[in-house]
Amino acid sequence: MPSRDECIRAVSTFKSDVFAAKPDERLGLKAIVEMLVSRKDEHNNVAAVVRKESRFRTVNDLKDAKACFSGYRGVGWNAVYLALKKKKNNSDRQRLDDVESISTFFKESCVLNIDPKNRSFPSNLYSLCKKDESNLTLEEKTFKCLEDGADVAFVNVSAVRAYASRNVVFNFK
């Protein structure tokens, strides 16, 4: 098909069987395969940022923690979901979808850009989100969530380096 819109219409009207969509581009279609593409650029590398004195050392340690994500089905979200799916001795979790998997793993979260009015999302996915911080970027909001008492923030490595290069100091509680 000559355009993305026509590809989507083709799948929706059964003229085509498959459409490769970006993670945030579901558009009412059902995902049957999900993949994470490995690239050398840092925009696709995820850092799990915790406080220096934190007890967290592995993904398993984060069970029931408070987490911050820069977006729904963004790089951080997908990295965590894939890590949870790969966990050994946890075949039940592998059958869960991404929303259920992440919402049952973390106690509370702030997943930016989830609308609290959308009843399909469990409330613990946005329970840590603050109102109207519109002057901040998504990464700044994610770091602010960590600063406000969360245990871990999942952000792009490039965002971490940008904050370090600007000598940003956070006032962790």
N, C-alpha and C. Protein backbone atom coordinates (compact mmCIF):
# COMPACT_ATOMS: atom_id res chain seq x y z
N MET A 1 0.86 -1.17 0.00
CA MET A 1 0.00 0.00 0.00
C MET A 1 0.91 1.24 0.00
N PRO A 2 0.48 2.31 -0.60
CA PRO A 2 1.33 3.50 -0.72
C PRO A 2 1.48 4.35 0.54
N SER A 3 0.62 4.16 1.56
CA SER A 3 0.75 4.97 2.77
C SER A 3 0.39 4.14 4.00
N ARG A 4 0.79 4.64 5.17
CA ARG A 4 0.48 3.95 6.43
C ARG A 4 -1.03 3.89 6.65
N ASP A 5 -1.72 4.98 6.37
CA ASP A 5 -3.18 5.00 6.55
C ASP A 5 -3.85 3.93 5.69
N GLU A 6 -3.38 3.78 4.46
CA GLU A 6 -3.96 2.77 3.58
C GLU A 6 -3.62 1.35 4.06
N CYS A 7 -2.44 1.18 4.65
CA CYS A 7 -2.08 -0.11 5.24
C CYS A 7 -3.04 -0.48 6.37
N ILE A 8 -3.31 0.49 7.22
CA ILE A 8 -4.22 0.25 8.35
C ILE A 8 -5.62 -0.08 7.84
N ARG A 9 -6.09 0.68 6.86
CA ARG A 9 -7.41 0.40 6.28
C ARG A 9 -7.45 -0.99 5.65
N ALA A 10 -6.36 -1.38 5.02
CA ALA A 10 -6.31 -2.69 4.38
C ALA A 10 -6.43 -3.82 5.40
N VAL A 11 -5.76 -3.68 6.53
CA VAL A 11 -5.87 -4.69 7.57
C VAL A 11 -7.28 -4.68 8.17
N SER A 12 -7.81 -3.50 8.42
CA SER A 12 -9.14 -3.37 9.01
C SER A 12 -10.24 -3.93 8.11
N THR A 13 -10.04 -3.88 6.82
CA THR A 13 -11.07 -4.38 5.88
C THR A 13 -10.69 -5.74 5.30
N PHE A 14 -9.71 -6.40 5.89
CA PHE A 14 -9.29 -7.75 5.52
C PHE A 14 -8.70 -7.86 4.12
N LYS A 15 -8.21 -6.75 3.57
CA LYS A 15 -7.51 -6.80 2.29
C LYS A 15 -6.05 -7.17 2.51
N SER A 16 -5.60 -7.06 3.75
CA SER A 16 -4.24 -7.42 4.12
C SER A 16 -4.30 -8.16 5.45
N ASP A 17 -3.32 -8.99 5.71
CA ASP A 17 -3.32 -9.78 6.94
C ASP A 17 -2.46 -9.21 8.04
N VAL A 18 -1.42 -8.46 7.69
CA VAL A 18 -0.45 -8.01 8.68
C VAL A 18 -0.09 -6.54 8.44
N PHE A 19 0.10 -5.82 9.54
CA PHE A 19 0.59 -4.44 9.49
C PHE A 19 1.62 -4.29 10.60
N ALA A 20 2.81 -3.79 10.29
CA ALA A 20 3.85 -3.56 11.29
C ALA A 20 3.65 -2.17 11.87
N ALA A 21 3.25 -2.11 13.14
CA ALA A 21 2.94 -0.83 13.78
C ALA A 21 3.99 -0.50 14.82
N LYS A 22 4.12 0.77 15.10
CA LYS A 22 4.96 1.22 16.20
C LYS A 22 4.23 0.88 17.49
N PRO A 23 4.95 0.78 18.64
CA PRO A 23 4.30 0.39 19.89
C PRO A 23 3.13 1.27 20.29
N ASP A 24 3.16 2.55 19.98
CA ASP A 24 2.09 3.45 20.38
C ASP A 24 1.02 3.61 19.30
N GLU A 25 1.01 2.73 18.32
CA GLU A 25 0.19 2.89 17.14
C GLU A 25 -0.75 1.70 16.95
N ARG A 26 -1.45 1.27 17.99
CA ARG A 26 -2.29 0.08 17.92
C ARG A 26 -3.55 0.29 17.07
N LEU A 27 -4.17 1.42 17.21
CA LEU A 27 -5.28 1.83 16.34
C LEU A 27 -6.39 0.80 16.25
N GLY A 28 -6.71 0.13 17.35
CA GLY A 28 -7.80 -0.83 17.35
C GLY A 28 -7.45 -2.17 16.74
N LEU A 29 -6.20 -2.40 16.41
CA LEU A 29 -5.78 -3.67 15.85
C LEU A 29 -5.22 -4.55 16.95
N LYS A 30 -5.27 -5.85 16.76
CA LYS A 30 -4.75 -6.80 17.74
C LYS A 30 -3.31 -7.16 17.39
N ALA A 31 -2.42 -7.04 18.37
CA ALA A 31 -1.02 -7.41 18.16
C ALA A 31 -0.87 -8.91 18.31
N ILE A 32 -0.23 -9.54 17.34
CA ILE A 32 0.02 -10.98 17.44
C ILE A 32 1.51 -11.27 17.64
N VAL A 33 2.35 -10.33 17.32
CA VAL A 33 3.80 -10.45 17.52
C VAL A 33 4.30 -9.11 18.00
N GLU A 34 5.14 -9.13 19.02
CA GLU A 34 5.77 -7.89 19.47
C GLU A 34 7.26 -8.10 19.46
N MET A 35 8.00 -7.07 19.07
CA MET A 35 9.44 -7.18 19.05
C MET A 35 10.07 -5.88 19.50
N LEU A 36 11.27 -6.00 20.00
CA LEU A 36 12.06 -4.84 20.38
C LEU A 36 13.29 -4.84 19.49
N VAL A 37 13.43 -3.81 18.71
CA VAL A 37 14.54 -3.73 17.78
C VAL A 37 15.76 -3.17 18.51
N SER A 38 16.86 -3.84 18.37
CA SER A 38 18.10 -3.38 19.00
C SER A 38 18.83 -2.46 18.03
N ARG A 39 19.12 -1.27 18.49
CA ARG A 39 19.86 -0.31 17.69
C ARG A 39 21.03 0.20 18.50
N LYS A 40 22.01 0.71 17.81
CA LYS A 40 23.19 1.21 18.51
C LYS A 40 22.98 2.60 19.07
N ASP A 41 21.97 3.32 18.57
CA ASP A 41 21.78 4.67 19.10
C ASP A 41 21.14 4.60 20.48
N GLU A 42 21.48 5.56 21.31
CA GLU A 42 21.06 5.54 22.71
C GLU A 42 19.58 5.83 22.92
N HIS A 43 18.89 6.29 21.90
CA HIS A 43 17.47 6.60 22.06
C HIS A 43 16.64 5.36 22.32
N ASN A 44 17.18 4.19 22.07
CA ASN A 44 16.45 2.95 22.31
C ASN A 44 17.04 2.13 23.46
N ASN A 45 17.99 2.69 24.18
CA ASN A 45 18.57 2.03 25.34
C ASN A 45 17.91 2.57 26.60
N VAL A 46 17.47 1.67 27.44
CA VAL A 46 16.71 2.05 28.63
C VAL A 46 17.58 1.93 29.87
N ALA A 47 17.44 2.91 30.74
CA ALA A 47 18.09 2.86 32.05
C ALA A 47 17.02 2.78 33.12
N ALA A 48 17.22 1.91 34.07
CA ALA A 48 16.38 1.86 35.26
C ALA A 48 17.11 2.68 36.30
N VAL A 49 16.61 3.88 36.57
CA VAL A 49 17.30 4.81 37.47
C VAL A 49 16.71 4.65 38.87
N VAL A 50 17.59 4.40 39.84
CA VAL A 50 17.19 4.29 41.25
C VAL A 50 18.12 5.18 42.07
N ARG A 51 17.74 5.42 43.31
CA ARG A 51 18.59 6.21 44.20
C ARG A 51 19.89 5.45 44.50
N LYS A 52 20.94 6.19 44.75
CA LYS A 52 22.24 5.59 44.99
C LYS A 52 22.20 4.58 46.15
N GLU A 53 21.47 4.89 47.20
CA GLU A 53 21.41 4.00 48.37
C GLU A 53 20.32 2.94 48.27
N SER A 54 19.72 2.79 47.11
CA SER A 54 18.61 1.86 46.92
C SER A 54 19.01 0.41 47.15
N ARG A 55 18.05 -0.39 47.57
CA ARG A 55 18.27 -1.82 47.76
C ARG A 55 18.07 -2.60 46.46
N PHE A 56 17.57 -1.95 45.42
CA PHE A 56 17.25 -2.61 44.16
C PHE A 56 18.52 -2.87 43.34
N ARG A 57 18.69 -4.12 42.92
CA ARG A 57 19.85 -4.50 42.12
C ARG A 57 19.46 -5.22 40.82
N THR A 58 18.28 -5.87 40.82
CA THR A 58 17.82 -6.63 39.65
C THR A 58 16.35 -6.31 39.39
N VAL A 59 15.86 -6.76 38.26
CA VAL A 59 14.43 -6.58 37.95
C VAL A 59 13.58 -7.28 39.00
N ASN A 60 13.98 -8.45 39.45
CA ASN A 60 13.22 -9.18 40.47
C ASN A 60 13.06 -8.37 41.75
N ASP A 61 14.07 -7.59 42.10
CA ASP A 61 14.01 -6.76 43.31
C ASP A 61 12.91 -5.71 43.22
N LEU A 62 12.50 -5.37 42.02
CA LEU A 62 11.52 -4.29 41.82
C LEU A 62 10.07 -4.73 42.04
N LYS A 63 9.84 -5.99 42.34
CA LYS A 63 8.47 -6.47 42.59
C LYS A 63 7.85 -5.62 43.70
N ASP A 64 6.64 -5.10 43.45
CA ASP A 64 5.88 -4.25 44.38
C ASP A 64 6.51 -2.88 44.63
N ALA A 65 7.45 -2.48 43.78
CA ALA A 65 8.05 -1.15 43.90
C ALA A 65 7.13 -0.11 43.26
N LYS A 66 7.52 1.15 43.41
CA LYS A 66 6.81 2.27 42.77
C LYS A 66 7.63 2.69 41.56
N ALA A 67 7.00 2.67 40.37
CA ALA A 67 7.74 2.88 39.13
C ALA A 67 7.21 4.07 38.33
N CYS A 68 8.11 4.68 37.57
CA CYS A 68 7.77 5.81 36.69
C CYS A 68 8.18 5.45 35.27
N PHE A 69 7.28 5.69 34.33
CA PHE A 69 7.53 5.43 32.91
C PHE A 69 7.27 6.71 32.14
N SER A 70 8.09 6.98 31.13
CA SER A 70 7.91 8.20 30.34
C SER A 70 6.77 8.07 29.34
N GLY A 71 6.20 6.89 29.19
CA GLY A 71 5.06 6.75 28.31
C GLY A 71 4.57 5.32 28.21
N TYR A 72 3.32 5.20 27.84
CA TYR A 72 2.68 3.91 27.62
C TYR A 72 3.19 3.31 26.32
N ARG A 73 3.71 2.11 26.43
CA ARG A 73 4.28 1.36 25.32
C ARG A 73 5.46 2.08 24.65
N GLY A 74 6.14 2.89 25.45
CA GLY A 74 7.38 3.49 25.01
C GLY A 74 8.52 2.50 25.21
N VAL A 75 9.74 2.97 25.01
CA VAL A 75 10.90 2.09 25.10
C VAL A 75 11.03 1.48 26.50
N GLY A 76 10.88 2.31 27.55
CA GLY A 76 10.99 1.80 28.92
C GLY A 76 9.91 0.78 29.24
N TRP A 77 8.69 1.09 28.86
CA TRP A 77 7.55 0.18 29.08
C TRP A 77 7.83 -1.17 28.42
N ASN A 78 8.21 -1.14 27.14
CA ASN A 78 8.45 -2.38 26.40
C ASN A 78 9.62 -3.17 26.97
N ALA A 79 10.67 -2.48 27.40
CA ALA A 79 11.82 -3.18 27.98
C ALA A 79 11.43 -3.91 29.26
N VAL A 80 10.64 -3.26 30.11
CA VAL A 80 10.19 -3.89 31.35
C VAL A 80 9.29 -5.07 31.05
N TYR A 81 8.36 -4.87 30.13
CA TYR A 81 7.43 -5.95 29.77
C TYR A 81 8.19 -7.17 29.26
N LEU A 82 9.16 -6.95 28.37
CA LEU A 82 9.93 -8.08 27.86
C LEU A 82 10.74 -8.75 28.96
N ALA A 83 11.27 -7.97 29.88
CA ALA A 83 12.02 -8.55 31.01
C ALA A 83 11.11 -9.41 31.87
N LEU A 84 9.89 -8.94 32.11
CA LEU A 84 8.94 -9.72 32.91
C LEU A 84 8.54 -11.00 32.19
N LYS A 85 8.39 -10.92 30.89
CA LYS A 85 8.02 -12.12 30.12
C LYS A 85 9.13 -13.16 30.14
N LYS A 86 10.37 -12.69 30.23
CA LYS A 86 11.51 -13.61 30.18
C LYS A 86 11.87 -14.20 31.54
N LYS A 87 11.23 -13.68 32.60
CA LYS A 87 11.56 -14.17 33.93
C LYS A 87 11.37 -15.68 34.00
N LYS A 88 12.33 -16.36 34.59
CA LYS A 88 12.25 -17.81 34.74
C LYS A 88 11.27 -18.16 35.85
N ASN A 89 10.71 -19.36 35.77
CA ASN A 89 9.79 -19.88 36.78
C ASN A 89 8.57 -19.00 36.95
N ASN A 90 8.11 -18.41 35.90
CA ASN A 90 6.93 -17.54 36.01
C ASN A 90 6.08 -17.67 34.75
N SER A 91 5.66 -18.89 34.45
CA SER A 91 4.92 -19.14 33.22
C SER A 91 3.57 -18.42 33.21
N ASP A 92 2.95 -18.19 34.35
CA ASP A 92 1.67 -17.48 34.37
C ASP A 92 1.83 -16.05 33.88
N ARG A 93 2.89 -15.37 34.29
CA ARG A 93 3.10 -13.98 33.89
C ARG A 93 3.32 -13.88 32.38
N GLN A 94 3.89 -14.91 31.77
CA GLN A 94 4.15 -14.86 30.34
C GLN A 94 2.85 -14.83 29.53
N ARG A 95 1.75 -15.28 30.11
CA ARG A 95 0.47 -15.27 29.39
C ARG A 95 -0.27 -13.95 29.56
N LEU A 96 0.18 -13.09 30.45
CA LEU A 96 -0.50 -11.82 30.68
C LEU A 96 -0.14 -10.81 29.60
N ASP A 97 -1.08 -9.90 29.32
CA ASP A 97 -0.74 -8.84 28.38
C ASP A 97 0.14 -7.81 29.08
N ASP A 98 0.62 -6.84 28.34
CA ASP A 98 1.58 -5.89 28.91
C ASP A 98 0.98 -5.06 30.03
N VAL A 99 -0.25 -4.60 29.87
CA VAL A 99 -0.88 -3.77 30.91
C VAL A 99 -1.05 -4.57 32.19
N GLU A 100 -1.58 -5.76 32.08
CA GLU A 100 -1.80 -6.59 33.27
C GLU A 100 -0.48 -7.00 33.91
N SER A 101 0.50 -7.34 33.10
CA SER A 101 1.79 -7.76 33.60
C SER A 101 2.47 -6.65 34.42
N ILE A 102 2.51 -5.45 33.87
CA ILE A 102 3.17 -4.34 34.55
C ILE A 102 2.35 -3.87 35.75
N SER A 103 1.03 -3.82 35.63
CA SER A 103 0.21 -3.34 36.75
C SER A 103 0.21 -4.32 37.92
N THR A 104 0.39 -5.61 37.66
CA THR A 104 0.45 -6.56 38.77
C THR A 104 1.85 -6.67 39.37
N PHE A 105 2.88 -6.30 38.60
CA PHE A 105 4.24 -6.38 39.10
C PHE A 105 4.59 -5.20 40.01
N PHE A 106 4.19 -4.01 39.60
CA PHE A 106 4.50 -2.82 40.39
C PHE A 106 3.33 -2.44 41.28
N LYS A 107 3.64 -1.96 42.48
CA LYS A 107 2.62 -1.56 43.44
C LYS A 107 1.87 -0.32 42.96
N GLU A 108 2.63 0.71 42.65
CA GLU A 108 2.08 1.96 42.13
C GLU A 108 2.98 2.43 41.01
N SER A 109 2.42 3.23 40.11
CA SER A 109 3.20 3.71 38.97
C SER A 109 2.70 5.07 38.50
N CYS A 110 3.53 5.67 37.68
CA CYS A 110 3.11 6.80 36.87
C CYS A 110 3.55 6.48 35.45
N VAL A 111 2.59 6.12 34.62
CA VAL A 111 2.84 5.90 33.21
C VAL A 111 2.28 7.13 32.51
N LEU A 112 3.17 7.98 32.05
CA LEU A 112 2.74 9.24 31.45
C LEU A 112 1.91 8.98 30.20
N ASN A 113 0.97 9.86 29.98
CA ASN A 113 0.06 9.84 28.83
C ASN A 113 -1.02 8.77 28.91
N ILE A 114 -1.25 8.19 30.08
CA ILE A 114 -2.43 7.34 30.27
C ILE A 114 -3.53 8.23 30.82
N ASP A 115 -4.67 8.16 30.21
CA ASP A 115 -5.82 8.96 30.64
C ASP A 115 -6.54 8.25 31.78
N PRO A 116 -6.58 8.83 32.99
CA PRO A 116 -7.26 8.19 34.12
C PRO A 116 -8.75 7.92 33.86
N LYS A 117 -9.33 8.62 32.91
CA LYS A 117 -10.75 8.39 32.59
C LYS A 117 -10.94 7.12 31.77
N ASN A 118 -9.87 6.59 31.20
CA ASN A 118 -9.94 5.37 30.41
C ASN A 118 -9.97 4.18 31.38
N ARG A 119 -11.13 3.60 31.55
CA ARG A 119 -11.32 2.53 32.54
C ARG A 119 -10.61 1.23 32.19
N SER A 120 -9.99 1.13 31.02
CA SER A 120 -9.31 -0.10 30.68
C SER A 120 -7.93 -0.21 31.34
N PHE A 121 -7.47 0.88 31.98
CA PHE A 121 -6.19 0.86 32.67
C PHE A 121 -6.40 0.77 34.17
N PRO A 122 -5.71 -0.15 34.84
CA PRO A 122 -5.79 -0.21 36.31
C PRO A 122 -5.29 1.10 36.91
N SER A 123 -5.92 1.53 37.99
CA SER A 123 -5.59 2.83 38.58
C SER A 123 -4.16 2.91 39.11
N ASN A 124 -3.54 1.78 39.45
CA ASN A 124 -2.17 1.86 39.96
C ASN A 124 -1.16 2.22 38.88
N LEU A 125 -1.57 2.25 37.61
CA LEU A 125 -0.65 2.67 36.54
C LEU A 125 -0.52 4.19 36.46
N TYR A 126 -1.43 4.93 37.10
CA TYR A 126 -1.32 6.39 37.08
C TYR A 126 -1.46 7.00 38.47
N SER A 127 -1.42 6.15 39.51
CA SER A 127 -1.61 6.63 40.88
C SER A 127 -0.52 7.59 41.35
N LEU A 128 0.67 7.52 40.80
CA LEU A 128 1.77 8.40 41.20
C LEU A 128 1.89 9.66 40.35
N CYS A 129 1.11 9.76 39.28
CA CYS A 129 1.22 10.90 38.37
C CYS A 129 0.68 12.16 39.01
N LYS A 130 1.41 13.25 38.81
CA LYS A 130 1.01 14.56 39.33
C LYS A 130 0.22 15.31 38.28
N LYS A 131 -0.57 16.24 38.73
CA LYS A 131 -1.37 17.07 37.81
C LYS A 131 -0.48 18.11 37.15
N ASP A 132 -0.82 18.46 35.97
CA ASP A 132 -0.30 19.56 35.16
C ASP A 132 1.14 20.00 35.43
N GLU A 133 2.05 19.31 34.84
CA GLU A 133 3.45 19.72 34.82
C GLU A 133 3.83 19.91 33.35
N SER A 134 2.96 20.63 32.63
CA SER A 134 3.05 20.71 31.18
C SER A 134 4.32 21.39 30.67
N ASN A 135 4.99 22.16 31.50
CA ASN A 135 6.20 22.83 31.03
C ASN A 135 7.42 21.91 31.03
N LEU A 136 7.26 20.67 31.49
CA LEU A 136 8.36 19.71 31.54
C LEU A 136 8.28 18.73 30.38
N THR A 137 9.44 18.22 29.95
CA THR A 137 9.45 17.16 28.94
C THR A 137 9.02 15.85 29.60
N LEU A 138 8.75 14.83 28.79
CA LEU A 138 8.36 13.53 29.34
C LEU A 138 9.45 12.97 30.25
N GLU A 139 10.71 13.10 29.84
CA GLU A 139 11.81 12.60 30.67
C GLU A 139 11.91 13.37 31.98
N GLU A 140 11.71 14.70 31.92
CA GLU A 140 11.75 15.51 33.15
C GLU A 140 10.60 15.12 34.08
N LYS A 141 9.44 14.86 33.53
CA LYS A 141 8.31 14.41 34.35
C LYS A 141 8.61 13.05 34.98
N THR A 142 9.29 12.19 34.23
CA THR A 142 9.63 10.87 34.76
C THR A 142 10.63 10.99 35.90
N PHE A 143 11.66 11.83 35.73
CA PHE A 143 12.61 12.07 36.81
C PHE A 143 11.92 12.73 38.01
N LYS A 144 10.98 13.63 37.76
CA LYS A 144 10.24 14.30 38.84
C LYS A 144 9.43 13.27 39.63
N CYS A 145 8.86 12.30 38.94
CA CYS A 145 8.12 11.22 39.60
C CYS A 145 9.05 10.46 40.56
N LEU A 146 10.26 10.19 40.12
CA LEU A 146 11.25 9.52 40.98
C LEU A 146 11.60 10.42 42.16
N GLU A 147 11.79 11.69 41.89
CA GLU A 147 12.11 12.65 42.95
C GLU A 147 11.00 12.73 43.99
N ASP A 148 9.75 12.57 43.54
CA ASP A 148 8.61 12.69 44.44
C ASP A 148 8.32 11.44 45.26
N GLY A 149 9.19 10.42 45.19
CA GLY A 149 9.04 9.27 46.08
C GLY A 149 8.95 7.92 45.43
N ALA A 150 8.99 7.83 44.12
CA ALA A 150 8.98 6.52 43.47
C ALA A 150 10.32 5.83 43.69
N ASP A 151 10.36 4.53 43.40
CA ASP A 151 11.57 3.75 43.61
C ASP A 151 12.46 3.65 42.37
N VAL A 152 11.85 3.69 41.19
CA VAL A 152 12.59 3.49 39.94
C VAL A 152 11.94 4.29 38.83
N ALA A 153 12.76 4.79 37.92
CA ALA A 153 12.27 5.47 36.72
C ALA A 153 12.92 4.81 35.51
N PHE A 154 12.12 4.50 34.53
CA PHE A 154 12.63 3.89 33.30
C PHE A 154 12.69 4.97 32.23
N VAL A 155 13.91 5.33 31.84
CA VAL A 155 14.12 6.42 30.89
C VAL A 155 15.20 6.03 29.89
N ASN A 156 15.26 6.77 28.81
CA ASN A 156 16.31 6.56 27.82
C ASN A 156 17.66 6.94 28.42
N VAL A 157 18.68 6.17 28.07
CA VAL A 157 20.04 6.45 28.55
C VAL A 157 20.45 7.87 28.16
N SER A 158 20.06 8.30 26.98
CA SER A 158 20.44 9.66 26.53
C SER A 158 19.85 10.72 27.46
N ALA A 159 18.67 10.48 28.03
CA ALA A 159 18.08 11.43 28.98
C ALA A 159 18.90 11.49 30.26
N VAL A 160 19.36 10.35 30.73
CA VAL A 160 20.19 10.31 31.94
C VAL A 160 21.47 11.10 31.71
N ARG A 161 22.10 10.88 30.57
CA ARG A 161 23.34 11.58 30.26
C ARG A 161 23.12 13.09 30.12
N ALA A 162 21.98 13.47 29.55
CA ALA A 162 21.68 14.90 29.39
C ALA A 162 21.55 15.56 30.76
N TYR A 163 20.88 14.89 31.71
CA TYR A 163 20.74 15.46 33.05
C TYR A 163 22.09 15.54 33.74
N ALA A 164 22.89 14.51 33.61
CA ALA A 164 24.21 14.52 34.24
C ALA A 164 25.08 15.63 33.66
N SER A 165 25.00 15.84 32.35
CA SER A 165 25.83 16.88 31.73
C SER A 165 25.41 18.28 32.14
N ARG A 166 24.14 18.45 32.53
CA ARG A 166 23.67 19.76 32.98
C ARG A 166 23.79 19.90 34.49
N ASN A 167 24.35 18.88 35.14
CA ASN A 167 24.53 18.90 36.59
C ASN A 167 23.23 19.13 37.33
N VAL A 168 22.17 18.49 36.86
CA VAL A 168 20.89 18.62 37.53
C VAL A 168 20.95 17.86 38.84
N VAL A 169 20.52 18.50 39.90
CA VAL A 169 20.50 17.87 41.23
C VAL A 169 19.05 17.68 41.64
N PHE A 170 18.71 16.47 42.01
CA PHE A 170 17.35 16.17 42.44
C PHE A 170 17.30 16.12 43.96
N ASN A 171 16.20 16.54 44.50
CA ASN A 171 16.00 16.53 45.95
C ASN A 171 15.15 15.33 46.32
N PHE A 172 15.79 14.16 46.45
CA PHE A 172 15.05 12.94 46.75
C PHE A 172 14.64 12.92 48.21
N LYS A 173 13.41 12.45 48.42
CA LYS A 173 12.87 12.34 49.78
C LYS A 173 13.38 11.10 50.44
